[in-house]
């Protein structure tokens, strides 16, 4: 019986960075609420995802980055503007600009029956 051995070359594959879902171009955020932005990107090797605002790094006190998600805690009017999400691997990169428009949600009133009524500004897009 003859047994031969041979080696199989390793196969390496790569996938350019792409969006699973294109991010929205604008988001309405509400003052004093948390705002969550998601940059749903994939690729292989896994892309490095960065979030910036006006080409600057985000302040770390209320801006929390967790992978592809940016959370702005206790949103203020100063948080309005353009945010950039970029994902890159060795085969390419994608970038999206997401505009945040901050609105005041209004005031909550609780009546004697514990029913919450919202006095709010009407937002027309």
PDB file of N, CA and C in Angstrom:
ATOM      1  N   UNK A   1       0.838  -1.169   0.000  1.00  0.00           N
ATOM      2  CA  UNK A   1       0.000   0.000   0.000  1.00  0.00           C
ATOM      3  C   UNK A   1       0.883   1.231   0.000  1.00  0.00           C
ATOM      4  N   UNK A   2       0.582   2.110  -0.923  1.00  0.00           N
ATOM      5  CA  UNK A   2       1.365   3.324  -1.051  1.00  0.00           C
ATOM      6  C   UNK A   2       0.559   4.495  -0.506  1.00  0.00           C
ATOM      7  N   UNK A   3       1.119   5.178   0.429  1.00  0.00           N
ATOM      8  CA  UNK A   3       0.471   6.368   1.003  1.00  0.00           C
ATOM      9  C   UNK A   3       1.321   7.564   0.652  1.00  0.00           C
ATOM     10  N   UNK A   4       0.688   8.516   0.042  1.00  0.00           N
ATOM     11  CA  UNK A   4       1.441   9.721  -0.297  1.00  0.00           C
ATOM     12  C   UNK A   4       0.948  10.881   0.562  1.00  0.00           C
ATOM     13  N   UNK A   5       1.807  11.765   0.814  1.00  0.00           N
ATOM     14  CA  UNK A   5       1.412  12.956   1.583  1.00  0.00           C
ATOM     15  C   UNK A   5       1.585  14.172   0.689  1.00  0.00           C
ATOM     16  N   UNK A   6       0.738  15.104   0.914  1.00  0.00           N
ATOM     17  CA  UNK A   6       0.847  16.353   0.166  1.00  0.00           C
ATOM     18  C   UNK A   6       0.360  17.472   1.085  1.00  0.00           C
ATOM     19  N   UNK A   7       0.748  18.658   0.775  1.00  0.00           N
ATOM     20  CA  UNK A   7       0.314  19.796   1.595  1.00  0.00           C
ATOM     21  C   UNK A   7      -0.653  20.650   0.782  1.00  0.00           C
ATOM     22  N   UNK A   8      -1.584  21.215   1.477  1.00  0.00           N
ATOM     23  CA  UNK A   8      -2.567  22.099   0.857  1.00  0.00           C
ATOM     24  C   UNK A   8      -2.192  23.525   1.221  1.00  0.00           C
ATOM     25  N   UNK A   9      -2.052  24.363   0.231  1.00  0.00           N
ATOM     26  CA  UNK A   9      -1.712  25.747   0.566  1.00  0.00           C
ATOM     27  C   UNK A   9      -2.853  26.396   1.362  1.00  0.00           C
ATOM     28  N   UNK A  10      -2.471  27.245   2.297  1.00  0.00           N
ATOM     29  CA  UNK A  10      -3.509  27.931   3.078  1.00  0.00           C
ATOM     30  C   UNK A  10      -4.219  28.945   2.183  1.00  0.00           C
ATOM     31  N   UNK A  11      -5.496  29.052   2.423  1.00  0.00           N
ATOM     32  CA  UNK A  11      -6.305  29.975   1.643  1.00  0.00           C
ATOM     33  C   UNK A  11      -6.599  31.192   2.503  1.00  0.00           C
ATOM     34  N   UNK A  12      -6.359  32.346   1.976  1.00  0.00           N
ATOM     35  CA  UNK A  12      -6.627  33.585   2.693  1.00  0.00           C
ATOM     36  C   UNK A  12      -7.647  34.362   1.899  1.00  0.00           C
ATOM     37  N   UNK A  13      -8.648  34.826   2.571  1.00  0.00           N
ATOM     38  CA  UNK A  13      -9.631  35.636   1.872  1.00  0.00           C
ATOM     39  C   UNK A  13      -9.834  36.926   2.632  1.00  0.00           C
ATOM     40  N   UNK A  14     -10.341  37.903   1.922  1.00  0.00           N
ATOM     41  CA  UNK A  14     -10.607  39.204   2.533  1.00  0.00           C
ATOM     42  C   UNK A  14     -11.845  39.793   1.879  1.00  0.00           C
ATOM     43  N   UNK A  15     -12.564  40.577   2.661  1.00  0.00           N
ATOM     44  CA  UNK A  15     -13.782  41.219   2.178  1.00  0.00           C
ATOM     45  C   UNK A  15     -13.640  42.718   2.420  1.00  0.00           C
ATOM     46  N   UNK A  16     -13.807  43.531   1.377  1.00  0.00           N
ATOM     47  CA  UNK A  16     -13.706  44.976   1.577  1.00  0.00           C
ATOM     48  C   UNK A  16     -14.789  45.478   2.538  1.00  0.00           C
ATOM     49  N   UNK A  17     -14.512  46.576   3.176  1.00  0.00           N
ATOM     50  CA  UNK A  17     -15.460  47.191   4.100  1.00  0.00           C
ATOM     51  C   UNK A  17     -16.695  47.663   3.343  1.00  0.00           C
ATOM     52  N   UNK A  18     -17.874  47.296   3.874  1.00  0.00           N
ATOM     53  CA  UNK A  18     -19.151  47.693   3.281  1.00  0.00           C
ATOM     54  C   UNK A  18     -20.160  47.906   4.394  1.00  0.00           C
ATOM     55  N   UNK A  19     -21.273  48.555   4.041  1.00  0.00           N
ATOM     56  CA  UNK A  19     -22.366  48.723   4.998  1.00  0.00           C
ATOM     57  C   UNK A  19     -23.304  47.523   4.928  1.00  0.00           C
ATOM     58  N   UNK A  20     -23.704  47.004   6.091  1.00  0.00           N
ATOM     59  CA  UNK A  20     -24.830  46.075   6.134  1.00  0.00           C
ATOM     60  C   UNK A  20     -26.099  46.859   5.854  1.00  0.00           C
ATOM     61  N   UNK A  21     -26.206  48.016   6.507  1.00  0.00           N
ATOM     62  CA  UNK A  21     -27.328  48.930   6.335  1.00  0.00           C
ATOM     63  C   UNK A  21     -26.774  50.341   6.270  1.00  0.00           C
ATOM     64  N   UNK A  22     -27.149  51.080   5.247  1.00  0.00           N
ATOM     65  CA  UNK A  22     -26.693  52.471   5.135  1.00  0.00           C
ATOM     66  C   UNK A  22     -27.255  53.286   6.294  1.00  0.00           C
ATOM     67  N   UNK A  23     -26.418  54.085   6.967  1.00  0.00           N
ATOM     68  CA  UNK A  23     -26.947  54.916   8.048  1.00  0.00           C
ATOM     69  C   UNK A  23     -27.845  56.034   7.513  1.00  0.00           C
ATOM     70  N   UNK A  24     -28.744  56.511   8.367  1.00  0.00           N
ATOM     71  CA  UNK A  24     -29.603  57.632   7.987  1.00  0.00           C
ATOM     72  C   UNK A  24     -28.741  58.876   7.824  1.00  0.00           C
ATOM     73  N   UNK A  25     -29.149  59.750   6.923  1.00  0.00           N
ATOM     74  CA  UNK A  25     -28.376  60.974   6.716  1.00  0.00           C
ATOM     75  C   UNK A  25     -28.656  62.017   7.793  1.00  0.00           C
ATOM     76  N   UNK A  26     -29.805  61.898   8.465  1.00  0.00           N
ATOM     77  CA  UNK A  26     -30.093  62.823   9.563  1.00  0.00           C
ATOM     78  C   UNK A  26     -30.928  62.116  10.630  1.00  0.00           C
ATOM     79  N   UNK A  27     -30.784  62.601  11.854  1.00  0.00           N
ATOM     80  CA  UNK A  27     -31.460  62.026  13.007  1.00  0.00           C
ATOM     81  C   UNK A  27     -31.993  63.171  13.863  1.00  0.00           C
ATOM     82  N   UNK A  28     -33.222  63.022  14.340  1.00  0.00           N
ATOM     83  CA  UNK A  28     -33.758  63.969  15.312  1.00  0.00           C
ATOM     84  C   UNK A  28     -33.382  63.448  16.695  1.00  0.00           C
ATOM     85  N   UNK A  29     -32.708  64.276  17.473  1.00  0.00           N
ATOM     86  CA  UNK A  29     -32.349  63.926  18.843  1.00  0.00           C
ATOM     87  C   UNK A  29     -33.142  64.836  19.773  1.00  0.00           C
ATOM     88  N   UNK A  30     -33.384  64.367  20.969  1.00  0.00           N
ATOM     89  CA  UNK A  30     -34.168  65.143  21.923  1.00  0.00           C
ATOM     90  C   UNK A  30     -33.313  65.555  23.105  1.00  0.00           C
ATOM     91  N   UNK A  31     -33.425  66.825  23.442  1.00  0.00           N
ATOM     92  CA  UNK A  31     -32.669  67.417  24.535  1.00  0.00           C
ATOM     93  C   UNK A  31     -32.898  66.611  25.817  1.00  0.00           C
ATOM     94  N   UNK A  32     -31.814  66.350  26.520  1.00  0.00           N
ATOM     95  CA  UNK A  32     -31.781  65.623  27.796  1.00  0.00           C
ATOM     96  C   UNK A  32     -32.004  64.112  27.656  1.00  0.00           C
ATOM     97  N   UNK A  33     -32.178  63.588  26.459  1.00  0.00           N
ATOM     98  CA  UNK A  33     -32.308  62.159  26.225  1.00  0.00           C
ATOM     99  C   UNK A  33     -30.987  61.640  25.678  1.00  0.00           C
ATOM    100  N   UNK A  34     -30.793  60.327  25.745  1.00  0.00           N
ATOM    101  CA  UNK A  34     -29.631  59.727  25.104  1.00  0.00           C
ATOM    102  C   UNK A  34     -29.912  59.565  23.614  1.00  0.00           C
ATOM    103  N   UNK A  35     -28.920  59.830  22.804  1.00  0.00           N
ATOM    104  CA  UNK A  35     -29.033  59.677  21.356  1.00  0.00           C
ATOM    105  C   UNK A  35     -28.085  58.559  20.928  1.00  0.00           C
ATOM    106  N   UNK A  36     -28.589  57.624  20.123  1.00  0.00           N
ATOM    107  CA  UNK A  36     -27.779  56.488  19.689  1.00  0.00           C
ATOM    108  C   UNK A  36     -27.659  56.496  18.171  1.00  0.00           C
ATOM    109  N   UNK A  37     -26.415  56.490  17.698  1.00  0.00           N
ATOM    110  CA  UNK A  37     -26.126  56.392  16.264  1.00  0.00           C
ATOM    111  C   UNK A  37     -25.431  55.055  16.024  1.00  0.00           C
ATOM    112  N   UNK A  38     -25.785  54.404  14.918  1.00  0.00           N
ATOM    113  CA  UNK A  38     -25.195  53.101  14.611  1.00  0.00           C
ATOM    114  C   UNK A  38     -24.603  53.140  13.210  1.00  0.00           C
ATOM    115  N   UNK A  39     -23.430  52.559  13.080  1.00  0.00           N
ATOM    116  CA  UNK A  39     -22.735  52.472  11.803  1.00  0.00           C
ATOM    117  C   UNK A  39     -22.542  50.978  11.520  1.00  0.00           C
ATOM    118  N   UNK A  40     -23.494  50.384  10.829  1.00  0.00           N
ATOM    119  CA  UNK A  40     -23.566  48.938  10.628  1.00  0.00           C
ATOM    120  C   UNK A  40     -22.654  48.517   9.473  1.00  0.00           C
ATOM    121  N   UNK A  41     -21.387  48.247   9.802  1.00  0.00           N
ATOM    122  CA  UNK A  41     -20.351  47.975   8.808  1.00  0.00           C
ATOM    123  C   UNK A  41     -19.801  46.568   9.004  1.00  0.00           C
ATOM    124  N   UNK A  42     -19.430  45.919   7.888  1.00  0.00           N
ATOM    125  CA  UNK A  42     -18.764  44.625   7.982  1.00  0.00           C
ATOM    126  C   UNK A  42     -17.613  44.574   6.991  1.00  0.00           C
ATOM    127  N   UNK A  43     -16.787  43.579   7.150  1.00  0.00           N
ATOM    128  CA  UNK A  43     -15.658  43.330   6.262  1.00  0.00           C
ATOM    129  C   UNK A  43     -14.764  42.304   6.918  1.00  0.00           C
ATOM    130  N   UNK A  44     -13.804  41.778   6.158  1.00  0.00           N
ATOM    131  CA  UNK A  44     -12.823  40.874   6.735  1.00  0.00           C
ATOM    132  C   UNK A  44     -11.471  41.187   6.131  1.00  0.00           C
ATOM    133  N   UNK A  45     -10.469  41.450   6.921  1.00  0.00           N
ATOM    134  CA  UNK A  45     -10.514  41.512   8.375  1.00  0.00           C
ATOM    135  C   UNK A  45     -11.497  42.586   8.864  1.00  0.00           C
ATOM    136  N   UNK A  46     -11.940  42.413  10.108  1.00  0.00           N
ATOM    137  CA  UNK A  46     -12.929  43.341  10.666  1.00  0.00           C
ATOM    138  C   UNK A  46     -12.442  44.777  10.541  1.00  0.00           C
ATOM    139  N   UNK A  47     -13.308  45.651  10.033  1.00  0.00           N
ATOM    140  CA  UNK A  47     -12.898  47.036   9.882  1.00  0.00           C
ATOM    141  C   UNK A  47     -12.747  47.748  11.221  1.00  0.00           C
ATOM    142  N   UNK A  48     -11.852  48.697  11.251  1.00  0.00           N
ATOM    143  CA  UNK A  48     -11.711  49.585  12.389  1.00  0.00           C
ATOM    144  C   UNK A  48     -12.729  50.697  12.181  1.00  0.00           C
ATOM    145  N   UNK A  49     -13.600  50.903  13.172  1.00  0.00           N
ATOM    146  CA  UNK A  49     -14.657  51.910  13.059  1.00  0.00           C
ATOM    147  C   UNK A  49     -14.302  53.098  13.934  1.00  0.00           C
ATOM    148  N   UNK A  50     -14.366  54.289  13.341  1.00  0.00           N
ATOM    149  CA  UNK A  50     -14.091  55.514  14.093  1.00  0.00           C
ATOM    150  C   UNK A  50     -15.258  56.480  13.951  1.00  0.00           C
ATOM    151  N   UNK A  51     -15.505  57.240  14.999  1.00  0.00           N
ATOM    152  CA  UNK A  51     -16.521  58.294  15.008  1.00  0.00           C
ATOM    153  C   UNK A  51     -15.817  59.615  15.265  1.00  0.00           C
ATOM    154  N   UNK A  52     -16.156  60.621  14.471  1.00  0.00           N
ATOM    155  CA  UNK A  52     -15.607  61.957  14.678  1.00  0.00           C
ATOM    156  C   UNK A  52     -16.715  62.980  14.484  1.00  0.00           C
ATOM    157  N   UNK A  53     -16.413  64.194  14.874  1.00  0.00           N
ATOM    158  CA  UNK A  53     -17.332  65.304  14.662  1.00  0.00           C
ATOM    159  C   UNK A  53     -16.502  66.468  14.153  1.00  0.00           C
ATOM    160  N   UNK A  54     -16.816  66.940  12.979  1.00  0.00           N
ATOM    161  CA  UNK A  54     -16.059  68.029  12.351  1.00  0.00           C
ATOM    162  C   UNK A  54     -14.564  67.725  12.339  1.00  0.00           C
ATOM    163  N   UNK A  55     -14.258  66.475  12.004  1.00  0.00           N
ATOM    164  CA  UNK A  55     -12.878  65.983  11.885  1.00  0.00           C
ATOM    165  C   UNK A  55     -12.093  66.045  13.189  1.00  0.00           C
ATOM    166  N   UNK A  56     -12.783  66.135  14.311  1.00  0.00           N
ATOM    167  CA  UNK A  56     -12.131  66.133  15.609  1.00  0.00           C
ATOM    168  C   UNK A  56     -12.588  64.905  16.383  1.00  0.00           C
ATOM    169  N   UNK A  57     -11.759  64.487  17.345  1.00  0.00           N
ATOM    170  CA  UNK A  57     -12.187  63.394  18.209  1.00  0.00           C
ATOM    171  C   UNK A  57     -13.328  63.876  19.087  1.00  0.00           C
ATOM    172  N   UNK A  58     -14.178  62.942  19.477  1.00  0.00           N
ATOM    173  CA  UNK A  58     -15.322  63.280  20.318  1.00  0.00           C
ATOM    174  C   UNK A  58     -14.890  63.393  21.774  1.00  0.00           C
ATOM    175  N   UNK A  59     -15.493  64.322  22.522  1.00  0.00           N
ATOM    176  CA  UNK A  59     -15.195  64.367  23.956  1.00  0.00           C
ATOM    177  C   UNK A  59     -15.676  63.076  24.620  1.00  0.00           C
ATOM    178  N   UNK A  60     -14.956  62.611  25.614  1.00  0.00           N
ATOM    179  CA  UNK A  60     -15.270  61.319  26.214  1.00  0.00           C
ATOM    180  C   UNK A  60     -16.266  61.390  27.366  1.00  0.00           C
ATOM    181  N   UNK A  61     -16.591  62.568  27.824  1.00  0.00           N
ATOM    182  CA  UNK A  61     -17.445  62.647  29.008  1.00  0.00           C
ATOM    183  C   UNK A  61     -18.867  62.157  28.759  1.00  0.00           C
ATOM    184  N   UNK A  62     -19.508  62.518  27.662  1.00  0.00           N
ATOM    185  CA  UNK A  62     -20.881  62.082  27.381  1.00  0.00           C
ATOM    186  C   UNK A  62     -20.991  61.289  26.094  1.00  0.00           C
ATOM    187  N   UNK A  63     -19.926  61.179  25.341  1.00  0.00           N
ATOM    188  CA  UNK A  63     -19.919  60.447  24.074  1.00  0.00           C
ATOM    189  C   UNK A  63     -19.253  59.097  24.302  1.00  0.00           C
ATOM    190  N   UNK A  64     -20.037  58.028  24.170  1.00  0.00           N
ATOM    191  CA  UNK A  64     -19.535  56.683  24.450  1.00  0.00           C
ATOM    192  C   UNK A  64     -19.547  55.883  23.147  1.00  0.00           C
ATOM    193  N   UNK A  65     -18.381  55.391  22.765  1.00  0.00           N
ATOM    194  CA  UNK A  65     -18.270  54.566  21.556  1.00  0.00           C
ATOM    195  C   UNK A  65     -18.136  53.114  21.984  1.00  0.00           C
ATOM    196  N   UNK A  66     -19.013  52.274  21.445  1.00  0.00           N
ATOM    197  CA  UNK A  66     -18.978  50.839  21.712  1.00  0.00           C
ATOM    198  C   UNK A  66     -19.072  50.127  20.368  1.00  0.00           C
ATOM    199  N   UNK A  67     -17.922  49.833  19.792  1.00  0.00           N
ATOM    200  CA  UNK A  67     -17.892  49.178  18.481  1.00  0.00           C
ATOM    201  C   UNK A  67     -18.461  50.090  17.415  1.00  0.00           C
ATOM    202  N   UNK A  68     -19.583  49.668  16.821  1.00  0.00           N
ATOM    203  CA  UNK A  68     -20.181  50.445  15.726  1.00  0.00           C
ATOM    204  C   UNK A  68     -21.235  51.435  16.210  1.00  0.00           C
ATOM    205  N   UNK A  69     -21.365  51.603  17.527  1.00  0.00           N
ATOM    206  CA  UNK A  69     -22.427  52.436  18.090  1.00  0.00           C
ATOM    207  C   UNK A  69     -21.846  53.619  18.859  1.00  0.00           C
ATOM    208  N   UNK A  70     -22.406  54.793  18.594  1.00  0.00           N
ATOM    209  CA  UNK A  70     -22.062  56.002  19.341  1.00  0.00           C
ATOM    210  C   UNK A  70     -23.281  56.405  20.156  1.00  0.00           C
ATOM    211  N   UNK A  71     -23.104  56.537  21.467  1.00  0.00           N
ATOM    212  CA  UNK A  71     -24.179  57.007  22.340  1.00  0.00           C
ATOM    213  C   UNK A  71     -23.782  58.369  22.885  1.00  0.00           C
ATOM    214  N   UNK A  72     -24.680  59.337  22.704  1.00  0.00           N
ATOM    215  CA  UNK A  72     -24.485  60.664  23.286  1.00  0.00           C
ATOM    216  C   UNK A  72     -25.425  60.742  24.477  1.00  0.00           C
ATOM    217  N   UNK A  73     -24.860  60.772  25.654  1.00  0.00           N
ATOM    218  CA  UNK A  73     -25.671  60.787  26.873  1.00  0.00           C
ATOM    219  C   UNK A  73     -26.143  62.211  27.177  1.00  0.00           C
ATOM    220  N   UNK A  74     -27.404  62.295  27.628  1.00  0.00           N
ATOM    221  CA  UNK A  74     -27.957  63.574  28.046  1.00  0.00           C
ATOM    222  C   UNK A  74     -27.726  64.646  26.967  1.00  0.00           C
ATOM    223  N   UNK A  75     -28.252  64.405  25.789  1.00  0.00           N
ATOM    224  CA  UNK A  75     -28.038  65.259  24.623  1.00  0.00           C
ATOM    225  C   UNK A  75     -28.376  66.717  24.919  1.00  0.00           C
ATOM    226  N   UNK A  76     -27.511  67.602  24.449  1.00  0.00           N
ATOM    227  CA  UNK A  76     -27.738  69.047  24.584  1.00  0.00           C
ATOM    228  C   UNK A  76     -27.812  69.661  23.193  1.00  0.00           C
ATOM    229  N   UNK A  77     -28.226  70.920  23.124  1.00  0.00           N
ATOM    230  CA  UNK A  77     -28.290  71.612  21.832  1.00  0.00           C
ATOM    231  C   UNK A  77     -26.922  71.681  21.171  1.00  0.00           C
ATOM    232  N   UNK A  78     -25.857  71.745  21.984  1.00  0.00           N
ATOM    233  CA  UNK A  78     -24.498  71.807  21.440  1.00  0.00           C
ATOM    234  C   UNK A  78     -24.088  70.523  20.716  1.00  0.00           C
ATOM    235  N   UNK A  79     -24.828  69.438  20.939  1.00  0.00           N
ATOM    236  CA  UNK A  79     -24.513  68.169  20.279  1.00  0.00           C
ATOM    237  C   UNK A  79     -25.015  68.118  18.836  1.00  0.00           C
ATOM    238  N   UNK A  80     -25.815  69.088  18.438  1.00  0.00           N
ATOM    239  CA  UNK A  80     -26.306  69.115  17.063  1.00  0.00           C
ATOM    240  C   UNK A  80     -25.168  69.335  16.085  1.00  0.00           C
ATOM    241  N   UNK A  81     -25.308  68.768  14.889  1.00  0.00           N
ATOM    242  CA  UNK A  81     -24.292  68.954  13.857  1.00  0.00           C
ATOM    243  C   UNK A  81     -23.977  67.656  13.146  1.00  0.00           C
ATOM    244  N   UNK A  82     -22.873  67.676  12.419  1.00  0.00           N
ATOM    245  CA  UNK A  82     -22.471  66.539  11.587  1.00  0.00           C
ATOM    246  C   UNK A  82     -21.536  65.607  12.346  1.00  0.00           C
ATOM    247  N   UNK A  83     -21.845  64.312  12.298  1.00  0.00           N
ATOM    248  CA  UNK A  83     -21.005  63.264  12.865  1.00  0.00           C
ATOM    249  C   UNK A  83     -20.583  62.353  11.727  1.00  0.00           C
ATOM    250  N   UNK A  84     -19.336  61.910  11.769  1.00  0.00           N
ATOM    251  CA  UNK A  84     -18.803  61.072  10.699  1.00  0.00           C
ATOM    252  C   UNK A  84     -18.458  59.697  11.266  1.00  0.00           C
ATOM    253  N   UNK A  85     -18.991  58.685  10.608  1.00  0.00           N
ATOM    254  CA  UNK A  85     -18.667  57.304  10.931  1.00  0.00           C
ATOM    255  C   UNK A  85     -17.828  56.767   9.779  1.00  0.00           C
ATOM    256  N   UNK A  86     -16.674  56.197  10.112  1.00  0.00           N
ATOM    257  CA  UNK A  86     -15.817  55.643   9.081  1.00  0.00           C
ATOM    258  C   UNK A  86     -15.375  54.251   9.493  1.00  0.00           C
ATOM    259  N   UNK A  87     -15.417  53.330   8.548  1.00  0.00           N
ATOM    260  CA  UNK A  87     -14.928  51.979   8.757  1.00  0.00           C
ATOM    261  C   UNK A  87     -13.885  51.667   7.712  1.00  0.00           C
ATOM    262  N   UNK A  88     -12.775  51.044   8.130  1.00  0.00           N
ATOM    263  CA  UNK A  88     -11.697  50.770   7.176  1.00  0.00           C
ATOM    264  C   UNK A  88     -10.997  49.463   7.520  1.00  0.00           C
ATOM    265  N   UNK A  89     -10.663  48.724   6.471  1.00  0.00           N
ATOM    266  CA  UNK A  89      -9.752  47.590   6.602  1.00  0.00           C
ATOM    267  C   UNK A  89      -8.737  47.706   5.468  1.00  0.00           C
ATOM    268  N   UNK A  90      -7.900  46.690   5.295  1.00  0.00           N
ATOM    269  CA  UNK A  90      -6.816  46.783   4.312  1.00  0.00           C
ATOM    270  C   UNK A  90      -7.296  46.884   2.865  1.00  0.00           C
ATOM    271  N   UNK A  91      -8.562  46.546   2.607  1.00  0.00           N
ATOM    272  CA  UNK A  91      -9.071  46.577   1.232  1.00  0.00           C
ATOM    273  C   UNK A  91      -9.888  47.821   0.886  1.00  0.00           C
ATOM    274  N   UNK A  92     -10.146  48.655   1.873  1.00  0.00           N
ATOM    275  CA  UNK A  92     -10.904  49.861   1.556  1.00  0.00           C
ATOM    276  C   UNK A  92     -11.603  50.439   2.765  1.00  0.00           C
ATOM    277  N   UNK A  93     -12.352  51.496   2.508  1.00  0.00           N
ATOM    278  CA  UNK A  93     -13.060  52.160   3.603  1.00  0.00           C
ATOM    279  C   UNK A  93     -14.392  52.710   3.108  1.00  0.00           C
ATOM    280  N   UNK A  94     -15.284  52.931   4.064  1.00  0.00           N
ATOM    281  CA  UNK A  94     -16.552  53.601   3.800  1.00  0.00           C
ATOM    282  C   UNK A  94     -16.714  54.691   4.842  1.00  0.00           C
ATOM    283  N   UNK A  95     -17.475  55.712   4.475  1.00  0.00           N
ATOM    284  CA  UNK A  95     -17.678  56.828   5.373  1.00  0.00           C
ATOM    285  C   UNK A  95     -19.100  57.351   5.191  1.00  0.00           C
ATOM    286  N   UNK A  96     -19.712  57.752   6.297  1.00  0.00           N
ATOM    287  CA  UNK A  96     -21.047  58.342   6.243  1.00  0.00           C
ATOM    288  C   UNK A  96     -21.090  59.553   7.170  1.00  0.00           C
ATOM    289  N   UNK A  97     -21.846  60.548   6.744  1.00  0.00           N
ATOM    290  CA  UNK A  97     -22.083  61.733   7.572  1.00  0.00           C
ATOM    291  C   UNK A  97     -23.522  61.659   8.054  1.00  0.00           C
ATOM    292  N   UNK A  98     -23.696  61.763   9.356  1.00  0.00           N
ATOM    293  CA  UNK A  98     -25.024  61.743   9.962  1.00  0.00           C
ATOM    294  C   UNK A  98     -25.230  63.076  10.670  1.00  0.00           C
ATOM    295  N   UNK A  99     -26.248  63.806  10.249  1.00  0.00           N
ATOM    296  CA  UNK A  99     -26.564  65.090  10.874  1.00  0.00           C
ATOM    297  C   UNK A  99     -27.516  64.867  12.035  1.00  0.00           C
ATOM    298  N   UNK A 100     -27.204  65.471  13.172  1.00  0.00           N
ATOM    299  CA  UNK A 100     -28.089  65.425  14.330  1.00  0.00           C
ATOM    300  C   UNK A 100     -28.748  66.791  14.489  1.00  0.00           C
ATOM    301  N   UNK A 101     -30.080  66.770  14.562  1.00  0.00           N
ATOM    302  CA  UNK A 101     -30.864  67.972  14.840  1.00  0.00           C
ATOM    303  C   UNK A 101     -31.493  67.785  16.217  1.00  0.00           C
ATOM    304  N   UNK A 102     -31.153  68.662  17.152  1.00  0.00           N
ATOM    305  CA  UNK A 102     -31.615  68.520  18.531  1.00  0.00           C
ATOM    306  C   UNK A 102     -32.870  69.351  18.733  1.00  0.00           C
ATOM    307  N   UNK A 103     -33.892  68.713  19.277  1.00  0.00           N
ATOM    308  CA  UNK A 103     -35.172  69.370  19.566  1.00  0.00           C
ATOM    309  C   UNK A 103     -35.460  69.277  21.058  1.00  0.00           C
ATOM    310  N   UNK A 104     -36.199  70.252  21.549  1.00  0.00           N
ATOM    311  CA  UNK A 104     -36.643  70.216  22.942  1.00  0.00           C
ATOM    312  C   UNK A 104     -37.923  69.404  22.991  1.00  0.00           C
ATOM    313  N   UNK A 105     -37.943  68.371  23.803  1.00  0.00           N
ATOM    314  CA  UNK A 105     -39.094  67.472  23.837  1.00  0.00           C
ATOM    315  C   UNK A 105     -40.308  68.114  24.497  1.00  0.00           C
ATOM    316  N   UNK A 106     -40.116  69.155  25.236  1.00  0.00           N
ATOM    317  CA  UNK A 106     -41.243  69.795  25.913  1.00  0.00           C
ATOM    318  C   UNK A 106     -41.275  69.420  27.379  1.00  0.00           C
ATOM    319  N   UNK A 107     -42.403  69.638  27.999  1.00  0.00           N
ATOM    320  CA  UNK A 107     -42.537  69.372  29.427  1.00  0.00           C
ATOM    321  C   UNK A 107     -43.561  68.274  29.656  1.00  0.00           C
ATOM    322  N   UNK A 108     -43.258  67.438  30.650  1.00  0.00           N
ATOM    323  CA  UNK A 108     -44.189  66.387  31.036  1.00  0.00           C
ATOM    324  C   UNK A 108     -45.017  66.866  32.221  1.00  0.00           C
ATOM    325  N   UNK A 109     -46.301  66.604  32.174  1.00  0.00           N
ATOM    326  CA  UNK A 109     -47.178  66.929  33.293  1.00  0.00           C
ATOM    327  C   UNK A 109     -47.926  65.670  33.694  1.00  0.00           C
ATOM    328  N   UNK A 110     -47.994  65.431  34.988  1.00  0.00           N
ATOM    329  CA  UNK A 110     -48.731  64.287  35.512  1.00  0.00           C
ATOM    330  C   UNK A 110     -49.975  64.828  36.209  1.00  0.00           C
ATOM    331  N   UNK A 111     -51.161  64.361  35.772  1.00  0.00           N
ATOM    332  CA  UNK A 111     -52.392  64.847  36.397  1.00  0.00           C
ATOM    333  C   UNK A 111     -52.740  64.006  37.617  1.00  0.00           C
ATOM    334  N   UNK A 112     -53.870  64.296  38.229  1.00  0.00           N
ATOM    335  CA  UNK A 112     -54.261  63.610  39.469  1.00  0.00           C
ATOM    336  C   UNK A 112     -54.513  62.121  39.277  1.00  0.00           C
ATOM    337  N   UNK A 113     -54.747  61.657  38.059  1.00  0.00           N
ATOM    338  CA  UNK A 113     -54.967  60.234  37.778  1.00  0.00           C
ATOM    339  C   UNK A 113     -53.679  59.527  37.367  1.00  0.00           C
ATOM    340  N   UNK A 114     -52.545  60.186  37.598  1.00  0.00           N
ATOM    341  CA  UNK A 114     -51.226  59.667  37.219  1.00  0.00           C
ATOM    342  C   UNK A 114     -51.111  59.423  35.724  1.00  0.00           C
ATOM    343  N   UNK A 115     -51.782  60.231  34.942  1.00  0.00           N
ATOM    344  CA  UNK A 115     -51.672  60.170  33.489  1.00  0.00           C
ATOM    345  C   UNK A 115     -50.680  61.247  33.061  1.00  0.00           C
ATOM    346  N   UNK A 116     -49.719  60.833  32.262  1.00  0.00           N
ATOM    347  CA  UNK A 116     -48.690  61.762  31.801  1.00  0.00           C
ATOM    348  C   UNK A 116     -49.166  62.438  30.527  1.00  0.00           C
ATOM    349  N   UNK A 117     -49.079  63.760  30.523  1.00  0.00           N
ATOM    350  CA  UNK A 117     -49.394  64.527  29.316  1.00  0.00           C
ATOM    351  C   UNK A 117     -48.119  65.227  28.879  1.00  0.00           C
ATOM    352  N   UNK A 118     -47.906  65.217  27.605  1.00  0.00           N
ATOM    353  CA  UNK A 118     -46.707  65.827  27.053  1.00  0.00           C
ATOM    354  C   UNK A 118     -47.073  67.110  26.347  1.00  0.00           C
ATOM    355  N   UNK A 119     -46.460  68.199  26.779  1.00  0.00           N
ATOM    356  CA  UNK A 119     -46.589  69.464  26.071  1.00  0.00           C
ATOM    357  C   UNK A 119     -45.333  69.599  25.234  1.00  0.00           C
ATOM    358  N   UNK A 120     -45.475  69.489  23.938  1.00  0.00           N
ATOM    359  CA  UNK A 120     -44.284  69.443  23.097  1.00  0.00           C
ATOM    360  C   UNK A 120     -44.384  70.364  21.909  1.00  0.00           C
ATOM    361  N   UNK A 121     -43.265  70.599  21.324  1.00  0.00           N
ATOM    362  CA  UNK A 121     -43.177  71.342  20.099  1.00  0.00           C
ATOM    363  C   UNK A 121     -43.464  70.367  18.961  1.00  0.00           C
ATOM    364  N   UNK A 122     -44.256  70.761  18.004  1.00  0.00           N
ATOM    365  CA  UNK A 122     -44.543  69.908  16.854  1.00  0.00           C
ATOM    366  C   UNK A 122     -43.376  70.025  15.886  1.00  0.00           C
ATOM    367  N   UNK A 123     -42.891  68.880  15.445  1.00  0.00           N
ATOM    368  CA  UNK A 123     -41.767  68.835  14.524  1.00  0.00           C
ATOM    369  C   UNK A 123     -42.256  68.399  13.170  1.00  0.00           C
ATOM    370  N   UNK A 124     -42.055  69.226  12.162  1.00  0.00           N
ATOM    371  CA  UNK A 124     -42.456  68.885  10.804  1.00  0.00           C
ATOM    372  C   UNK A 124     -41.196  68.730   9.988  1.00  0.00           C
ATOM    373  N   UNK A 125     -41.061  67.563   9.367  1.00  0.00           N
ATOM    374  CA  UNK A 125     -39.864  67.304   8.544  1.00  0.00           C
ATOM    375  C   UNK A 125     -40.179  67.415   7.097  1.00  0.00           C
TER     376      UNK A 125
END
